[in-house]
PDB file of all heavy atoms in Angstrom:
ATOM      1  N   LYS A   1       0.832  -1.181  -0.023  1.00  0.00           N
ATOM      2  CA  LYS A   1       0.001   0.024  -0.008  1.00  0.00           C
ATOM      3  C   LYS A   1       0.871   1.277  -0.006  1.00  0.00           C
ATOM      4  O   LYS A   1       2.041   1.245   0.437  1.00  0.00           O
ATOM      5  CB  LYS A   1      -0.906   0.043   1.214  1.00  0.00           C
ATOM      6  CG  LYS A   1      -2.028  -1.073   1.246  1.00  0.00           C
ATOM      7  CD  LYS A   1      -3.011  -0.838   2.379  1.00  0.00           C
ATOM      8  CE  LYS A   1      -4.227  -1.760   2.322  1.00  0.00           C
ATOM      9  NZ  LYS A   1      -5.156  -1.465   3.371  1.00  0.00           N
ATOM     10  N   PHE A   2       0.267   2.300  -0.443  1.00  0.00           N
ATOM     11  CA  PHE A   2       0.890   3.668  -0.432  1.00  0.00           C
ATOM     12  C   PHE A   2       0.134   4.520   0.567  1.00  0.00           C
ATOM     13  O   PHE A   2      -1.112   4.580   0.605  1.00  0.00           O
ATOM     14  CB  PHE A   2       0.852   4.307  -1.804  1.00  0.00           C
ATOM     15  CG  PHE A   2       1.305   5.799  -1.812  1.00  0.00           C
ATOM     16  CD1 PHE A   2       2.648   6.083  -1.919  1.00  0.00           C
ATOM     17  CD2 PHE A   2       0.428   6.761  -1.703  1.00  0.00           C
ATOM     18  CE1 PHE A   2       3.060   7.399  -1.867  1.00  0.00           C
ATOM     19  CE2 PHE A   2       0.776   8.130  -1.763  1.00  0.00           C
ATOM     20  CZ  PHE A   2       2.145   8.412  -1.830  1.00  0.00           C
ATOM     21  N   ARG A   3       0.824   5.183   1.459  1.00  0.00           N
ATOM     22  CA  ARG A   3       0.201   6.065   2.458  1.00  0.00           C
ATOM     23  C   ARG A   3       0.872   7.417   2.494  1.00  0.00           C
ATOM     24  O   ARG A   3       2.082   7.538   2.510  1.00  0.00           O
ATOM     25  CB  ARG A   3       0.321   5.427   3.892  1.00  0.00           C
ATOM     26  CG  ARG A   3      -0.259   6.360   4.977  1.00  0.00           C
ATOM     27  CD  ARG A   3      -0.639   5.605   6.225  1.00  0.00           C
ATOM     28  NE  ARG A   3       0.456   4.710   6.678  1.00  0.00           N
ATOM     29  CZ  ARG A   3       0.237   3.572   7.335  1.00  0.00           C
ATOM     30  NH1 ARG A   3      -1.017   3.149   7.590  1.00  0.00           N
ATOM     31  NH2 ARG A   3       1.248   2.891   7.757  1.00  0.00           N
ATOM     32  N   PHE A   4       0.079   8.445   2.504  1.00  0.00           N
ATOM     33  CA  PHE A   4       0.571   9.818   2.624  1.00  0.00           C
ATOM     34  C   PHE A   4       0.790  10.108   4.146  1.00  0.00           C
ATOM     35  O   PHE A   4      -0.162   9.995   4.936  1.00  0.00           O
ATOM     36  CB  PHE A   4      -0.450  10.804   2.070  1.00  0.00           C
ATOM     37  CG  PHE A   4      -0.019  12.256   2.186  1.00  0.00           C
ATOM     38  CD1 PHE A   4       1.247  12.630   1.921  1.00  0.00           C
ATOM     39  CD2 PHE A   4      -0.937  13.215   2.575  1.00  0.00           C
ATOM     40  CE1 PHE A   4       1.672  13.979   2.000  1.00  0.00           C
ATOM     41  CE2 PHE A   4      -0.579  14.546   2.705  1.00  0.00           C
ATOM     42  CZ  PHE A   4       0.728  14.943   2.394  1.00  0.00           C
ATOM     43  N   VAL A   5       1.967  10.411   4.609  1.00  0.00           N
ATOM     44  CA  VAL A   5       2.293  10.502   6.037  1.00  0.00           C
ATOM     45  C   VAL A   5       2.279  11.966   6.495  1.00  0.00           C
ATOM     46  O   VAL A   5       1.675  12.320   7.479  1.00  0.00           O
ATOM     47  CB  VAL A   5       3.664   9.855   6.298  1.00  0.00           C
ATOM     48  CG1 VAL A   5       4.043  10.005   7.827  1.00  0.00           C
ATOM     49  CG2 VAL A   5       3.662   8.376   5.968  1.00  0.00           C
ATOM     50  N   ASN A   6       3.046  12.848   5.803  1.00  0.00           N
ATOM     51  CA  ASN A   6       3.066  14.239   6.095  1.00  0.00           C
ATOM     52  C   ASN A   6       3.425  14.496   7.542  1.00  0.00           C
ATOM     53  O   ASN A   6       2.808  15.246   8.302  1.00  0.00           O
ATOM     54  CB  ASN A   6       1.727  14.890   5.766  1.00  0.00           C
ATOM     55  CG  ASN A   6       1.760  16.382   5.771  1.00  0.00           C
ATOM     56  OD1 ASN A   6       2.803  16.997   5.712  1.00  0.00           O
ATOM     57  ND2 ASN A   6       0.600  17.056   5.921  1.00  0.00           N
ATOM     58  N   GLN A   7       4.542  13.935   7.993  1.00  0.00           N
ATOM     59  CA  GLN A   7       5.000  14.024   9.418  1.00  0.00           C
ATOM     60  C   GLN A   7       6.310  14.834   9.455  1.00  0.00           C
ATOM     61  O   GLN A   7       7.283  14.438   8.853  1.00  0.00           O
ATOM     62  CB  GLN A   7       5.165  12.654  10.028  1.00  0.00           C
ATOM     63  CG  GLN A   7       5.672  12.693  11.486  1.00  0.00           C
ATOM     64  CD  GLN A   7       5.955  11.276  12.007  1.00  0.00           C
ATOM     65  OE1 GLN A   7       5.328  10.304  11.590  1.00  0.00           O
ATOM     66  NE2 GLN A   7       6.897  11.172  12.961  1.00  0.00           N
ATOM     67  N   GLY A   8       6.288  15.916  10.195  1.00  0.00           N
ATOM     68  CA  GLY A   8       7.534  16.693  10.413  1.00  0.00           C
ATOM     69  C   GLY A   8       8.485  15.979  11.332  1.00  0.00           C
ATOM     70  O   GLY A   8       8.130  15.116  12.131  1.00  0.00           O
ATOM     71  N   PHE A   9       9.771  16.336  11.175  1.00  0.00           N
ATOM     72  CA  PHE A   9      10.789  15.670  11.937  1.00  0.00           C
ATOM     73  C   PHE A   9      11.847  16.713  12.219  1.00  0.00           C
ATOM     74  O   PHE A   9      12.422  17.438  11.380  1.00  0.00           O
ATOM     75  CB  PHE A   9      11.471  14.532  11.118  1.00  0.00           C
ATOM     76  CG  PHE A   9      12.403  13.697  11.916  1.00  0.00           C
ATOM     77  CD1 PHE A   9      11.963  12.510  12.530  1.00  0.00           C
ATOM     78  CD2 PHE A   9      13.723  14.029  12.098  1.00  0.00           C
ATOM     79  CE1 PHE A   9      12.824  11.721  13.264  1.00  0.00           C
ATOM     80  CE2 PHE A   9      14.641  13.230  12.725  1.00  0.00           C
ATOM     81  CZ  PHE A   9      14.192  12.104  13.410  1.00  0.00           C
ATOM     82  N   ASN A  10      12.199  16.859  13.571  1.00  0.00           N
ATOM     83  CA  ASN A  10      13.174  17.839  13.984  1.00  0.00           C
ATOM     84  C   ASN A  10      14.558  17.439  13.621  1.00  0.00           C
ATOM     85  O   ASN A  10      14.932  16.237  13.728  1.00  0.00           O
ATOM     86  CB  ASN A  10      13.090  18.109  15.475  1.00  0.00           C
ATOM     87  CG  ASN A  10      11.863  18.904  15.854  1.00  0.00           C
ATOM     88  OD1 ASN A  10      11.484  19.858  15.182  1.00  0.00           O
ATOM     89  ND2 ASN A  10      11.202  18.486  16.944  1.00  0.00           N
ATOM     90  N   GLY A  11      15.372  18.356  13.073  1.00  0.00           N
ATOM     91  CA  GLY A  11      16.734  18.023  12.666  1.00  0.00           C
ATOM     92  C   GLY A  11      16.727  17.816  11.153  1.00  0.00           C
ATOM     93  O   GLY A  11      15.716  17.759  10.500  1.00  0.00           O
ATOM     94  N   GLY A  12      17.932  17.685  10.566  1.00  0.00           N
ATOM     95  CA  GLY A  12      18.140  17.533   9.167  1.00  0.00           C
ATOM     96  C   GLY A  12      18.304  16.077   8.760  1.00  0.00           C
ATOM     97  O   GLY A  12      17.794  15.159   9.369  1.00  0.00           O
ATOM     98  N   LEU A  13      19.120  15.920   7.678  1.00  0.00           N
ATOM     99  CA  LEU A  13      19.280  14.608   7.126  1.00  0.00           C
ATOM    100  C   LEU A  13      19.993  13.662   8.062  1.00  0.00           C
ATOM    101  O   LEU A  13      19.583  12.458   8.176  1.00  0.00           O
ATOM    102  CB  LEU A  13      20.023  14.703   5.807  1.00  0.00           C
ATOM    103  CG  LEU A  13      20.330  13.411   5.037  1.00  0.00           C
ATOM    104  CD1 LEU A  13      19.051  12.745   4.689  1.00  0.00           C
ATOM    105  CD2 LEU A  13      21.125  13.682   3.797  1.00  0.00           C
ATOM    106  N   LYS A  14      20.977  14.082   8.747  1.00  0.00           N
ATOM    107  CA  LYS A  14      21.704  13.201   9.730  1.00  0.00           C
ATOM    108  C   LYS A  14      20.818  12.678  10.870  1.00  0.00           C
ATOM    109  O   LYS A  14      20.833  11.460  11.024  1.00  0.00           O
ATOM    110  CB  LYS A  14      22.908  13.942  10.252  1.00  0.00           C
ATOM    111  CG  LYS A  14      23.746  13.128  11.243  1.00  0.00           C
ATOM    112  CD  LYS A  14      24.983  13.932  11.680  1.00  0.00           C
ATOM    113  CE  LYS A  14      25.868  13.108  12.655  1.00  0.00           C
ATOM    114  NZ  LYS A  14      25.211  12.864  13.952  1.00  0.00           N
ATOM    115  N   PRO A  15      20.102  13.501  11.609  1.00  0.00           N
ATOM    116  CA  PRO A  15      19.189  12.932  12.631  1.00  0.00           C
ATOM    117  C   PRO A  15      18.103  12.013  12.081  1.00  0.00           C
ATOM    118  O   PRO A  15      17.771  11.041  12.676  1.00  0.00           O
ATOM    119  CB  PRO A  15      18.576  14.184  13.351  1.00  0.00           C
ATOM    120  CG  PRO A  15      19.540  15.310  13.010  1.00  0.00           C
ATOM    121  CD  PRO A  15      20.119  14.977  11.620  1.00  0.00           C
ATOM    122  N   LEU A  16      17.664  12.345  10.885  1.00  0.00           N
ATOM    123  CA  LEU A  16      16.564  11.592  10.270  1.00  0.00           C
ATOM    124  C   LEU A  16      17.156  10.108   9.915  1.00  0.00           C
ATOM    125  O   LEU A  16      16.500   9.134  10.173  1.00  0.00           O
ATOM    126  CB  LEU A  16      16.052  12.202   8.950  1.00  0.00           C
ATOM    127  CG  LEU A  16      14.977  11.429   8.261  1.00  0.00           C
ATOM    128  CD1 LEU A  16      13.676  11.353   9.111  1.00  0.00           C
ATOM    129  CD2 LEU A  16      14.670  12.119   6.894  1.00  0.00           C
ATOM    130  N   ALA A  17      18.343  10.143   9.247  1.00  0.00           N
ATOM    131  CA  ALA A  17      18.949   8.851   8.922  1.00  0.00           C
ATOM    132  C   ALA A  17      19.235   7.997  10.180  1.00  0.00           C
ATOM    133  O   ALA A  17      19.067   6.834  10.216  1.00  0.00           O
ATOM    134  CB  ALA A  17      20.223   9.094   8.181  1.00  0.00           C
ATOM    135  N   GLU A  18      19.754   8.656  11.206  1.00  0.00           N
ATOM    136  CA  GLU A  18      20.078   7.945  12.485  1.00  0.00           C
ATOM    137  C   GLU A  18      18.739   7.423  13.127  1.00  0.00           C
ATOM    138  O   GLU A  18      18.776   6.327  13.707  1.00  0.00           O
ATOM    139  CB  GLU A  18      20.811   8.905  13.365  1.00  0.00           C
ATOM    140  CG  GLU A  18      22.199   9.186  12.902  1.00  0.00           C
ATOM    141  CD  GLU A  18      22.994  10.208  13.768  1.00  0.00           C
ATOM    142  OE1 GLU A  18      22.262  11.009  14.489  1.00  0.00           O
ATOM    143  OE2 GLU A  18      24.232  10.172  13.768  1.00  0.00           O
ATOM    144  N   TYR A  19      17.659   8.149  12.986  1.00  0.00           N
ATOM    145  CA  TYR A  19      16.398   7.701  13.530  1.00  0.00           C
ATOM    146  C   TYR A  19      16.029   6.399  12.900  1.00  0.00           C
ATOM    147  O   TYR A  19      15.478   5.483  13.562  1.00  0.00           O
ATOM    148  CB  TYR A  19      15.305   8.718  13.258  1.00  0.00           C
ATOM    149  CG  TYR A  19      13.912   8.302  13.518  1.00  0.00           C
ATOM    150  CD1 TYR A  19      13.379   8.175  14.805  1.00  0.00           C
ATOM    151  CD2 TYR A  19      13.037   7.926  12.488  1.00  0.00           C
ATOM    152  CE1 TYR A  19      12.123   7.764  15.017  1.00  0.00           C
ATOM    153  CE2 TYR A  19      11.783   7.521  12.699  1.00  0.00           C
ATOM    154  CZ  TYR A  19      11.331   7.434  13.947  1.00  0.00           C
ATOM    155  OH  TYR A  19       9.988   7.003  14.206  1.00  0.00           O
ATOM    156  N   PHE A  20      16.300   6.194  11.618  1.00  0.00           N
ATOM    157  CA  PHE A  20      16.048   4.905  10.949  1.00  0.00           C
ATOM    158  C   PHE A  20      17.150   3.893  11.094  1.00  0.00           C
ATOM    159  O   PHE A  20      17.061   2.858  10.408  1.00  0.00           O
ATOM    160  CB  PHE A  20      15.726   5.189   9.443  1.00  0.00           C
ATOM    161  CG  PHE A  20      14.369   5.882   9.208  1.00  0.00           C
ATOM    162  CD1 PHE A  20      14.357   7.066   8.603  1.00  0.00           C
ATOM    163  CD2 PHE A  20      13.200   5.276   9.608  1.00  0.00           C
ATOM    164  CE1 PHE A  20      13.171   7.742   8.342  1.00  0.00           C
ATOM    165  CE2 PHE A  20      12.003   5.837   9.365  1.00  0.00           C
ATOM    166  CZ  PHE A  20      11.957   7.067   8.705  1.00  0.00           C
ATOM    167  N   GLY A  21      18.136   4.177  11.910  1.00  0.00           N
ATOM    168  CA  GLY A  21      19.154   3.213  12.107  1.00  0.00           C
ATOM    169  C   GLY A  21      20.389   3.249  11.343  1.00  0.00           C
ATOM    170  O   GLY A  21      21.241   2.321  11.377  1.00  0.00           O
ATOM    171  N   VAL A  22      20.624   4.306  10.490  1.00  0.00           N
ATOM    172  CA  VAL A  22      21.759   4.403   9.700  1.00  0.00           C
ATOM    173  C   VAL A  22      22.922   4.977  10.525  1.00  0.00           C
ATOM    174  O   VAL A  22      22.726   5.936  11.256  1.00  0.00           O
ATOM    175  CB  VAL A  22      21.470   5.367   8.471  1.00  0.00           C
ATOM    176  CG1 VAL A  22      22.749   5.429   7.570  1.00  0.00           C
ATOM    177  CG2 VAL A  22      20.322   4.814   7.598  1.00  0.00           C
ATOM    178  N   GLU A  23      24.053   4.388  10.397  1.00  0.00           N
ATOM    179  CA  GLU A  23      25.314   4.845  11.087  1.00  0.00           C
ATOM    180  C   GLU A  23      25.930   5.915  10.193  1.00  0.00           C
ATOM    181  O   GLU A  23      26.304   5.612   9.056  1.00  0.00           O
ATOM    182  CB  GLU A  23      26.247   3.748  11.390  1.00  0.00           C
ATOM    183  CG  GLU A  23      25.707   2.733  12.436  1.00  0.00           C
ATOM    184  CD  GLU A  23      26.765   1.806  12.916  1.00  0.00           C
ATOM    185  OE1 GLU A  23      27.966   2.175  12.964  1.00  0.00           O
ATOM    186  OE2 GLU A  23      26.432   0.631  13.085  1.00  0.00           O
ATOM    187  N   ILE A  24      26.151   7.153  10.701  1.00  0.00           N
ATOM    188  CA  ILE A  24      26.613   8.287   9.903  1.00  0.00           C
ATOM    189  C   ILE A  24      28.040   8.553  10.254  1.00  0.00           C
ATOM    190  O   ILE A  24      28.445   8.626  11.461  1.00  0.00           O
ATOM    191  CB  ILE A  24      25.706   9.477  10.126  1.00  0.00           C
ATOM    192  CG1 ILE A  24      24.261   9.207   9.761  1.00  0.00           C
ATOM    193  CG2 ILE A  24      26.227  10.702   9.335  1.00  0.00           C
ATOM    194  CD1 ILE A  24      24.059   8.751   8.306  1.00  0.00           C
ATOM    195  N   ASN A  25      28.841   8.723   9.257  1.00  0.00           N
ATOM    196  CA  ASN A  25      30.187   9.275   9.423  1.00  0.00           C
ATOM    197  C   ASN A  25      30.243  10.695   9.081  1.00  0.00           C
ATOM    198  O   ASN A  25      30.175  11.113   7.912  1.00  0.00           O
ATOM    199  CB  ASN A  25      31.184   8.547   8.469  1.00  0.00           C
ATOM    200  CG  ASN A  25      32.575   9.046   8.543  1.00  0.00           C
ATOM    201  OD1 ASN A  25      32.883   9.736   9.493  1.00  0.00           O
ATOM    202  ND2 ASN A  25      33.391   8.783   7.549  1.00  0.00           N
ATOM    203  N   ASP A  26      30.244  11.537  10.118  1.00  0.00           N
ATOM    204  CA  ASP A  26      30.293  13.011   9.942  1.00  0.00           C
ATOM    205  C   ASP A  26      31.652  13.611  10.197  1.00  0.00           C
ATOM    206  O   ASP A  26      31.759  14.820  10.393  1.00  0.00           O
ATOM    207  CB  ASP A  26      29.182  13.724  10.823  1.00  0.00           C
ATOM    208  CG  ASP A  26      29.313  13.352  12.260  1.00  0.00           C
ATOM    209  OD1 ASP A  26      30.262  12.633  12.647  1.00  0.00           O
ATOM    210  OD2 ASP A  26      28.495  13.837  13.048  1.00  0.00           O
ATOM    211  N   GLN A  27      32.684  12.761  10.203  1.00  0.00           N
ATOM    212  CA  GLN A  27      34.019  13.254  10.392  1.00  0.00           C
ATOM    213  C   GLN A  27      34.647  13.630   9.139  1.00  0.00           C
ATOM    214  O   GLN A  27      34.321  12.962   8.044  1.00  0.00           O
ATOM    215  CB  GLN A  27      34.895  12.157  11.089  1.00  0.00           C
ATOM    216  CG  GLN A  27      34.386  11.793  12.452  1.00  0.00           C
ATOM    217  CD  GLN A  27      34.368  12.944  13.440  1.00  0.00           C
ATOM    218  OE1 GLN A  27      35.260  13.668  13.521  1.00  0.00           O
ATOM    219  NE2 GLN A  27      33.232  13.034  14.133  1.00  0.00           N
ATOM    220  N   PRO A  28      35.455  14.637   8.999  1.00  0.00           N
ATOM    221  CA  PRO A  28      36.138  14.938   7.705  1.00  0.00           C
ATOM    222  C   PRO A  28      37.035  13.809   7.263  1.00  0.00           C
ATOM    223  O   PRO A  28      37.573  13.024   8.036  1.00  0.00           O
ATOM    224  CB  PRO A  28      36.978  16.224   8.015  1.00  0.00           C
ATOM    225  CG  PRO A  28      37.191  16.161   9.531  1.00  0.00           C
ATOM    226  CD  PRO A  28      35.953  15.474  10.082  1.00  0.00           C
ATOM    227  N   ASN A  29      37.229  13.723   5.920  1.00  0.00           N
ATOM    228  CA  ASN A  29      38.067  12.708   5.323  1.00  0.00           C
ATOM    229  C   ASN A  29      39.522  12.934   5.677  1.00  0.00           C
ATOM    230  O   ASN A  29      40.053  13.995   5.322  1.00  0.00           O
ATOM    231  CB  ASN A  29      37.889  12.583   3.838  1.00  0.00           C
ATOM    232  CG  ASN A  29      36.534  12.101   3.433  1.00  0.00           C
ATOM    233  OD1 ASN A  29      36.183  10.976   3.803  1.00  0.00           O
ATOM    234  ND2 ASN A  29      35.731  12.924   2.830  1.00  0.00           N
TER     235      ASN A  29
END
């Protein structure tokens, strides 16, 4: 099924990705 969610989330891409369990490398190369 397809569902329209329209839910706001505080923070940008990094907090959103971490919310879904993605491990983020935010250190410089």
